[in-house]
């Protein structure tokens, strides 16, 4: 049979329910019984002609399945939206993998929503934050007629009200940008890429007892790149959350938790905390990663000393790999893409006369993919503060569970 002329690479943008709809339309047998990855493969088999479309039997006669016409494919997966053009403009992970599909929120004219803005194509889009989570599928358009558009930057956080129309929700009233009421004094700050980095800043002082070793053996300075690593469950999240709690009253802390168990969610006061559970779709993890990183950079533009904590980059690496498996690349090509993304993230650390961005990342060293461990070795050469953990010491409750021979901050010696 002739293959169906559609682009199967776009399957990565569909959730399970959308995949079932596609599978049913093109003739996958029993699509509701398959998991997402298996269903994607089954769809590709039918689309590319390896499997005949399944014909259900009704009243003794075969019922022809309706095959998705190619002209309807982009509409079905959301690629004709016109809004996804902007994703990837900053060369972040997502690229053009995202399909924006509007999802109605709770319809209440009185409700105030808080969330982040992103420039998508030539339009500004608002993504509401609900329980420390944003989704690429839930958004509202910001009308071009708003006077304050010139005051917006990617990474801004706004408080607003929404109105709900037939074509989806729109922002109807913006009450504040970055916690400040909108007026002629709305602060824009610098431009992150133009903020010239200098030598590292002052040492960050920690007050919690479990972090005292940082003061003594591994001082962290403003603008540093820090890697906390060890076997899985060696205390990485414990240290990361301790750092956030210790610093949130003195610094602008952005904390991104990647693919965690629900019980790992922590409560923080002023830290900007973004959380993804282990069952979140890869595209939403990547989207929230972009939001978190852009938020950290934006706060730096506004003159703040920012600490960006990402817990953990091993799960982020796995997420990147899952996103690009549809491209039929080799593991070596996956590794190159992963390293490129992590280097780009770590390259944002800086200390300037205006603000600073310190990046603290956690990782585990016993991934089931050996290539990830090689990636970590390369990342370890890029950071300038190295914290290595001992799993047995953490699990047995020892007060100090770091490797004293391999925990240190790089010293720059003058020539």
Protein backbone atom coordinates (compact mmCIF):
# COMPACT_ATOMS: atom_id res chain seq x y z
CA UNK A 1 0.00 0.00 0.00
CA UNK A 2 1.12 3.59 -0.50
CA UNK A 3 2.33 5.33 2.66
CA UNK A 4 0.19 8.12 4.05
CA UNK A 5 1.83 11.45 3.32
CA UNK A 6 2.13 13.01 6.80
CA UNK A 7 5.11 14.05 8.92
CA UNK A 8 5.45 11.46 11.70
CA UNK A 9 8.04 13.59 13.50
CA UNK A 10 5.15 15.64 14.78
CA UNK A 11 3.86 12.71 16.83
CA UNK A 12 6.13 13.77 19.68
CA UNK A 13 3.86 16.75 20.30
CA UNK A 14 0.74 14.72 21.04
CA UNK A 15 -0.41 13.53 24.43
CA UNK A 16 -1.85 10.06 24.93
CA UNK A 17 -5.44 11.08 24.23
CA UNK A 18 -4.48 12.87 21.01
CA UNK A 19 -2.42 9.86 19.93
CA UNK A 20 -5.44 7.64 20.45
CA UNK A 21 -7.51 9.94 18.24
CA UNK A 22 -4.88 9.81 15.50
CA UNK A 23 -4.48 6.05 15.88
CA UNK A 24 -8.22 5.47 15.59
CA UNK A 25 -8.47 7.64 12.48
CA UNK A 26 -5.62 6.07 10.53
CA UNK A 27 -6.42 2.47 11.45
CA UNK A 28 -4.23 1.36 14.38
CA UNK A 29 -5.72 -1.76 15.98
CA UNK A 30 -7.02 -1.16 19.52
CA UNK A 31 -5.22 2.19 20.04
CA UNK A 32 -6.73 2.66 23.51
CA UNK A 33 -4.82 -0.37 24.83
CA UNK A 34 -1.36 0.95 23.88
CA UNK A 35 1.01 3.16 25.83
CA UNK A 36 2.17 6.42 24.23
CA UNK A 37 5.53 5.18 22.88
CA UNK A 38 4.05 1.96 21.49
CA UNK A 39 1.17 3.90 19.98
CA UNK A 40 3.56 6.31 18.24
CA UNK A 41 5.37 3.34 16.72
CA UNK A 42 2.10 1.74 15.62
CA UNK A 43 0.99 5.00 14.00
CA UNK A 44 4.30 5.28 12.15
CA UNK A 45 3.96 1.69 10.94
CA UNK A 46 0.58 2.49 9.37
CA UNK A 47 1.64 5.89 8.05
CA UNK A 48 4.80 4.51 6.42
CA UNK A 49 3.07 1.47 4.94
CA UNK A 50 4.56 -1.31 7.06
CA UNK A 51 1.16 -2.21 8.51
CA UNK A 52 -2.23 -2.30 6.80
CA UNK A 53 -4.88 -0.07 8.43
CA UNK A 54 -7.08 -2.14 10.73
CA UNK A 55 -10.68 -2.39 9.57
CA UNK A 56 -13.34 -2.89 12.23
CA UNK A 57 -16.14 -5.30 11.38
CA UNK A 58 -19.63 -3.95 11.97
CA UNK A 59 -22.84 -5.85 11.07
CA UNK A 60 -20.81 -8.35 9.09
CA UNK A 61 -19.36 -5.74 6.75
CA UNK A 62 -15.99 -4.00 6.96
CA UNK A 63 -16.17 -0.33 7.83
CA UNK A 64 -13.56 1.74 6.08
CA UNK A 65 -11.44 3.87 8.38
CA UNK A 66 -11.14 7.52 7.61
CA UNK A 67 -7.46 8.18 6.89
CA UNK A 68 -6.29 11.64 7.92
CA UNK A 69 -5.82 13.76 4.78
CA UNK A 70 -2.43 15.46 4.70
CA UNK A 71 -4.04 18.89 4.56
CA UNK A 72 -5.74 18.16 7.89
CA UNK A 73 -2.65 16.85 9.64
CA UNK A 74 -1.14 20.20 10.70
CA UNK A 75 -4.51 21.33 11.99
CA UNK A 76 -4.89 18.15 14.02
CA UNK A 77 -1.49 18.39 15.70
CA UNK A 78 -1.55 22.14 16.00
CA UNK A 79 1.31 22.96 13.63
CA UNK A 80 -0.69 25.49 11.69
CA UNK A 81 -1.17 27.51 14.86
CA UNK A 82 1.23 30.24 13.82
CA UNK A 83 2.29 30.74 17.45
CA UNK A 84 4.92 28.02 17.74
CA UNK A 85 7.24 29.98 15.46
CA UNK A 86 8.81 31.70 18.44
CA UNK A 87 9.82 28.58 20.34
CA UNK A 88 13.44 27.88 19.74
CA UNK A 89 14.23 31.49 18.87
CA UNK A 90 16.66 31.47 21.79
CA UNK A 91 18.02 28.06 20.74
CA UNK A 92 16.59 26.35 23.78
CA UNK A 93 15.71 22.66 23.94
CA UNK A 94 12.18 22.89 22.62
CA UNK A 95 12.81 24.27 19.16
CA UNK A 96 9.80 23.67 16.94
CA UNK A 97 8.74 20.56 18.83
CA UNK A 98 5.88 22.29 20.63
CA UNK A 99 2.39 22.58 19.25
CA UNK A 100 0.32 25.22 21.00
CA UNK A 101 -3.19 24.01 21.62
CA UNK A 102 -5.43 26.19 23.74
CA UNK A 103 -6.96 24.67 26.85
CA UNK A 104 -9.71 26.50 28.68
CA UNK A 105 -9.03 27.50 32.24
CA UNK A 106 -11.55 27.98 35.02
CA UNK A 107 -13.89 30.65 33.74
CA UNK A 108 -14.10 33.35 36.36
CA UNK A 109 -13.92 37.08 35.66
CA UNK A 110 -12.88 37.64 39.27
CA UNK A 111 -9.95 35.25 39.31
CA UNK A 112 -6.43 36.69 39.26
CA UNK A 113 -3.84 34.57 37.51
CA UNK A 114 -0.10 34.72 38.00
CA UNK A 115 2.34 33.30 35.50
CA UNK A 116 5.04 33.91 32.92
CA UNK A 117 5.13 35.58 29.53
CA UNK A 118 6.89 34.37 26.42
CA UNK A 119 7.33 35.91 23.01
CA UNK A 120 5.93 33.40 20.54
CA UNK A 121 6.42 34.44 16.97
CA UNK A 122 5.24 38.04 16.82
CA UNK A 123 2.86 37.76 19.75
CA UNK A 124 3.10 37.75 23.52
CA UNK A 125 1.61 34.73 25.27
CA UNK A 126 0.81 34.27 28.96
CA UNK A 127 1.28 30.89 30.68
CA UNK A 128 -0.46 30.67 34.08
CA UNK A 129 1.39 29.03 36.96
CA UNK A 130 -0.73 26.52 38.87
CA UNK A 131 0.81 24.69 41.83
CA UNK A 132 4.37 25.51 40.74
CA UNK A 133 3.72 24.17 37.22
CA UNK A 134 3.13 25.64 33.76
CA UNK A 135 2.06 23.70 30.69
CA UNK A 136 2.63 24.46 27.04
CA UNK A 137 -1.03 23.52 26.48
CA UNK A 138 -2.51 26.12 28.84
CA UNK A 139 -2.04 29.69 27.71
CA UNK A 140 -3.79 32.95 26.96
CA UNK A 141 -3.00 35.42 24.19
CA UNK A 142 -1.97 38.95 25.20
CA UNK A 143 -3.72 41.37 22.79
CA UNK A 144 -1.48 43.53 20.63
CA UNK A 145 -3.45 46.61 21.66
CA UNK A 146 -2.13 46.67 25.25
CA UNK A 147 -0.03 49.76 26.01
CA UNK A 148 2.35 47.92 28.33
CA UNK A 149 3.74 45.54 25.67
CA UNK A 150 6.86 47.69 25.30
CA UNK A 151 7.57 47.05 28.98
CA UNK A 152 7.55 43.25 28.65
CA UNK A 153 10.62 41.05 28.47
CA UNK A 154 10.87 37.26 28.19
CA UNK A 155 10.98 35.87 31.74
CA UNK A 156 8.67 38.49 33.21
CA UNK A 157 6.05 37.29 35.67
CA UNK A 158 2.69 39.03 35.53
CA UNK A 159 -0.53 39.07 37.51
CA UNK A 160 -3.60 39.45 35.33
CA UNK A 161 -7.23 38.64 34.66
CA UNK A 162 -8.52 36.67 31.71
CA UNK A 163 -11.56 36.74 29.50
CA UNK A 164 -12.81 33.66 27.69
CA UNK A 165 -13.86 33.81 24.08
CA UNK A 166 -14.74 31.21 21.49
CA UNK A 167 -11.21 31.13 20.13
CA UNK A 168 -9.68 30.71 23.60
CA UNK A 169 -8.70 32.77 26.65
CA UNK A 170 -7.14 36.22 26.34
CA UNK A 171 -5.50 38.48 28.90
CA UNK A 172 -8.01 41.21 29.70
CA UNK A 173 -6.27 43.20 32.43
CA UNK A 174 -2.67 43.17 33.65
CA UNK A 175 -2.41 44.17 37.29
CA UNK A 176 1.34 43.88 37.89
CA UNK A 177 4.64 43.00 36.24
CA UNK A 178 7.22 41.32 38.47
CA UNK A 179 5.17 42.28 41.51
CA UNK A 180 5.01 45.99 40.62
CA UNK A 181 1.97 47.91 39.45
CA UNK A 182 2.17 49.05 35.87
CA UNK A 183 3.10 52.71 35.47
CA UNK A 184 5.66 54.85 33.74
CA UNK A 185 8.28 53.58 36.20
CA UNK A 186 8.01 49.94 35.15
CA UNK A 187 11.56 48.66 35.39
CA UNK A 188 13.10 47.09 32.29
CA UNK A 189 16.63 46.56 33.59
CA UNK A 190 19.59 45.62 31.42
CA UNK A 191 19.85 43.14 28.56
CA UNK A 192 21.28 39.85 29.81
CA UNK A 193 23.43 39.13 26.77
CA UNK A 194 24.96 42.61 27.01
CA UNK A 195 25.79 42.44 30.73
CA UNK A 196 29.59 42.15 30.78
CA UNK A 197 30.84 39.48 33.20
CA UNK A 198 33.65 40.27 35.62
CA UNK A 199 35.66 38.21 38.08
CA UNK A 200 33.60 36.19 40.56
CA UNK A 201 31.74 38.09 43.25
CA UNK A 202 31.56 37.79 47.01
CA UNK A 203 31.42 34.44 48.79
CA UNK A 204 27.90 33.29 49.62
CA UNK A 205 27.61 32.66 53.36
CA UNK A 206 25.47 29.70 54.44
CA UNK A 207 23.80 29.52 57.86
CA UNK A 208 22.18 26.07 57.99
CA UNK A 209 24.40 23.51 59.78
CA UNK A 210 24.18 20.94 56.97
CA UNK A 211 25.72 23.54 54.63
CA UNK A 212 28.56 24.65 56.89
CA UNK A 213 31.02 22.52 54.92
CA UNK A 214 30.47 24.86 51.97
CA UNK A 215 31.79 27.77 54.01
CA UNK A 216 34.83 25.78 55.11
CA UNK A 217 35.98 23.60 52.21
CA UNK A 218 34.02 24.63 49.14
CA UNK A 219 33.11 28.35 49.14
CA UNK A 220 30.61 29.35 46.47
CA UNK A 221 30.98 32.82 44.98
CA UNK A 222 28.42 34.87 43.09
CA UNK A 223 28.54 33.95 39.43
CA UNK A 224 29.94 30.45 39.92
CA UNK A 225 28.89 27.17 38.30
CA UNK A 226 28.37 24.43 40.87
CA UNK A 227 27.85 20.70 40.31
CA UNK A 228 26.62 18.45 43.15
CA UNK A 229 26.88 14.81 42.13
CA UNK A 230 27.04 11.26 43.39
CA UNK A 231 25.14 7.98 43.03
CA UNK A 232 21.36 8.28 42.90
CA UNK A 233 19.78 9.28 46.26
CA UNK A 234 23.04 10.49 47.80
CA UNK A 235 21.50 13.65 49.24
CA UNK A 236 21.49 15.81 46.11
CA UNK A 237 17.91 17.04 46.55
CA UNK A 238 18.43 17.45 50.31
CA UNK A 239 21.37 19.79 49.70
CA UNK A 240 19.65 21.64 46.85
CA UNK A 241 16.52 22.32 48.91
CA UNK A 242 18.66 23.28 51.91
CA UNK A 243 20.52 25.82 49.77
CA UNK A 244 17.21 27.25 48.53
CA UNK A 245 15.82 27.59 52.06
CA UNK A 246 19.05 29.15 53.33
CA UNK A 247 19.34 31.74 50.56
CA UNK A 248 15.76 32.65 49.60
CA UNK A 249 15.53 35.55 52.07
CA UNK A 250 18.80 37.11 50.87
CA UNK A 251 18.95 36.30 47.17
CA UNK A 252 16.57 35.81 44.26
CA UNK A 253 16.34 32.01 44.08
CA UNK A 254 14.81 30.14 41.14
CA UNK A 255 14.50 26.38 41.78
CA UNK A 256 13.60 23.94 39.01
CA UNK A 257 12.80 20.38 40.17
CA UNK A 258 12.99 17.90 37.28
CA UNK A 259 10.86 14.72 37.08
CA UNK A 260 10.48 14.21 40.84
CA UNK A 261 8.21 12.02 42.95
CA UNK A 262 5.19 13.99 44.24
CA UNK A 263 6.35 13.48 47.84
CA UNK A 264 9.65 15.22 46.98
CA UNK A 265 7.87 18.53 46.56
CA UNK A 266 9.05 21.07 49.13
CA UNK A 267 7.57 24.23 50.60
CA UNK A 268 9.52 27.44 50.24
CA UNK A 269 8.65 31.00 51.16
CA UNK A 270 10.01 33.50 48.64
CA UNK A 271 11.89 31.15 46.30
CA UNK A 272 10.42 30.86 42.79
CA UNK A 273 9.86 27.11 42.75
CA UNK A 274 8.89 25.22 39.58
CA UNK A 275 8.15 21.52 39.94
CA UNK A 276 7.66 18.64 37.51
CA UNK A 277 6.64 15.12 38.53
CA UNK A 278 8.06 11.97 36.96
CA UNK A 279 4.97 11.45 34.77
CA UNK A 280 5.11 14.86 33.08
CA UNK A 281 5.46 14.79 29.29
CA UNK A 282 8.99 15.59 28.00
CA UNK A 283 7.81 18.67 26.11
CA UNK A 284 6.30 20.16 29.29
CA UNK A 285 9.52 19.48 31.23
CA UNK A 286 11.51 21.23 28.49
CA UNK A 287 9.04 24.09 28.39
CA UNK A 288 9.21 24.60 32.16
CA UNK A 289 13.02 24.39 32.01
CA UNK A 290 13.00 27.25 29.52
CA UNK A 291 10.63 29.25 31.70
CA UNK A 292 12.84 28.70 34.78
CA UNK A 293 16.07 29.64 33.01
CA UNK A 294 14.56 32.70 31.34
CA UNK A 295 13.11 33.77 34.69
CA UNK A 296 16.54 33.53 36.34
CA UNK A 297 18.12 35.58 33.55
CA UNK A 298 15.34 38.18 33.75
CA UNK A 299 15.82 38.66 37.49
CA UNK A 300 19.53 39.17 36.84
CA UNK A 301 18.65 41.85 34.27
CA UNK A 302 16.65 43.58 37.01
CA UNK A 303 19.81 43.90 39.10
CA UNK A 304 19.35 40.99 41.48
CA UNK A 305 21.85 38.41 42.65
CA UNK A 306 20.17 35.25 41.37
CA UNK A 307 20.81 31.65 42.36
CA UNK A 308 19.41 29.22 39.79
CA UNK A 309 19.09 25.67 41.17
CA UNK A 310 18.34 22.83 38.78
CA UNK A 311 17.66 19.48 40.45
CA UNK A 312 18.69 17.42 38.54
CA UNK A 313 20.47 17.59 35.18
CA UNK A 314 20.63 13.79 34.77
CA UNK A 315 16.84 13.71 34.52
CA UNK A 316 17.04 16.73 32.22
CA UNK A 317 19.49 14.84 29.99
CA UNK A 318 17.08 11.91 29.82
CA UNK A 319 14.29 14.31 28.94
CA UNK A 320 16.31 15.86 26.11
CA UNK A 321 17.08 12.37 24.82
CA UNK A 322 13.38 11.45 24.89
CA UNK A 323 12.53 14.59 22.95
CA UNK A 324 14.92 13.89 20.11
CA UNK A 325 14.41 10.13 19.72
CA UNK A 326 11.83 10.83 17.01
CA UNK A 327 14.64 12.21 14.86
CA UNK A 328 16.23 8.77 14.45
CA UNK A 329 19.61 9.97 15.68
CA UNK A 330 22.33 7.82 17.18
CA UNK A 331 23.26 7.81 20.86
CA UNK A 332 26.41 9.74 19.95
CA UNK A 333 24.31 12.42 18.25
CA UNK A 334 22.02 12.49 21.30
CA UNK A 335 25.06 13.07 23.49
CA UNK A 336 26.29 15.94 21.35
CA UNK A 337 22.90 17.64 21.56
CA UNK A 338 22.68 17.10 25.33
CA UNK A 339 26.13 18.54 25.97
CA UNK A 340 25.34 21.52 23.76
CA UNK A 341 22.20 22.31 25.75
CA UNK A 342 23.89 21.94 29.15
CA UNK A 343 26.85 24.07 28.10
CA UNK A 344 24.45 26.74 26.90
CA UNK A 345 22.68 26.68 30.26
CA UNK A 346 25.90 26.81 32.32
CA UNK A 347 27.29 29.53 30.08
CA UNK A 348 24.70 31.91 31.53
CA UNK A 349 26.49 32.13 34.88
CA UNK A 350 28.00 35.57 35.41
CA UNK A 351 28.85 38.28 37.92
CA UNK A 352 28.44 41.88 36.74
CA UNK A 353 28.26 45.40 38.16
CA UNK A 354 24.48 45.12 37.91
CA UNK A 355 23.34 41.60 38.85
CA UNK A 356 24.71 38.08 39.00
CA UNK A 357 23.59 34.59 38.10
CA UNK A 358 24.97 31.63 40.06
CA UNK A 359 24.02 28.19 38.72
CA UNK A 360 23.84 25.18 41.04
CA UNK A 361 23.01 21.84 39.43
CA UNK A 362 22.67 18.34 40.85
CA UNK A 363 23.25 15.03 39.09
CA UNK A 364 23.56 11.32 39.77
CA UNK A 365 26.49 9.30 38.49
CA UNK A 366 24.95 5.84 38.13
CA UNK A 367 22.65 6.39 35.17
CA UNK A 368 21.58 3.33 33.18
CA UNK A 369 23.04 5.10 30.11
CA UNK A 370 26.86 5.12 30.22
CA UNK A 371 26.89 8.06 27.83
CA UNK A 372 25.29 10.22 30.51
CA UNK A 373 28.21 9.55 32.84
CA UNK A 374 30.61 10.64 30.11
CA UNK A 375 28.51 13.77 29.70
CA UNK A 376 28.82 14.47 33.42
CA UNK A 377 32.60 14.17 33.23
CA UNK A 378 32.57 16.83 30.54
CA UNK A 379 30.27 19.04 32.59
CA UNK A 380 32.54 18.56 35.62
CA UNK A 381 35.33 20.15 33.58
CA UNK A 382 33.15 23.19 32.88
CA UNK A 383 31.97 23.99 36.41
CA UNK A 384 34.27 25.70 38.88
CA UNK A 385 32.83 24.30 42.11
CA UNK A 386 32.71 20.52 42.58
CA UNK A 387 30.75 18.70 45.32
CA UNK A 388 30.93 14.89 45.30
CA UNK A 389 28.66 12.89 47.62
CA UNK A 390 29.01 9.51 49.36
CA UNK A 391 25.73 7.57 49.24
CA UNK A 392 26.42 5.26 52.20
CA UNK A 393 27.30 8.18 54.47
CA UNK A 394 24.07 9.96 53.53
CA UNK A 395 21.89 6.87 53.97
CA UNK A 396 23.38 6.05 57.37
CA UNK A 397 22.64 9.57 58.64
CA UNK A 398 26.15 10.97 58.91
CA UNK A 399 26.25 14.73 59.35
CA UNK A 400 28.86 15.05 56.61
CA UNK A 401 28.37 12.92 53.53
CA UNK A 402 30.63 14.56 50.97
CA UNK A 403 33.87 13.19 49.57
CA UNK A 404 36.53 15.30 51.29
CA UNK A 405 39.11 14.48 48.62
CA UNK A 406 36.90 15.50 45.71
CA UNK A 407 34.89 18.45 46.99
CA UNK A 408 36.49 21.80 46.20
CA UNK A 409 36.21 25.14 44.44
CA UNK A 410 38.63 25.93 41.65
CA UNK A 411 41.30 28.46 42.54
CA UNK A 412 42.42 30.89 39.85
CA UNK A 413 46.11 31.57 40.30
CA UNK A 414 47.52 34.80 38.96
CA UNK A 415 50.49 34.56 36.62
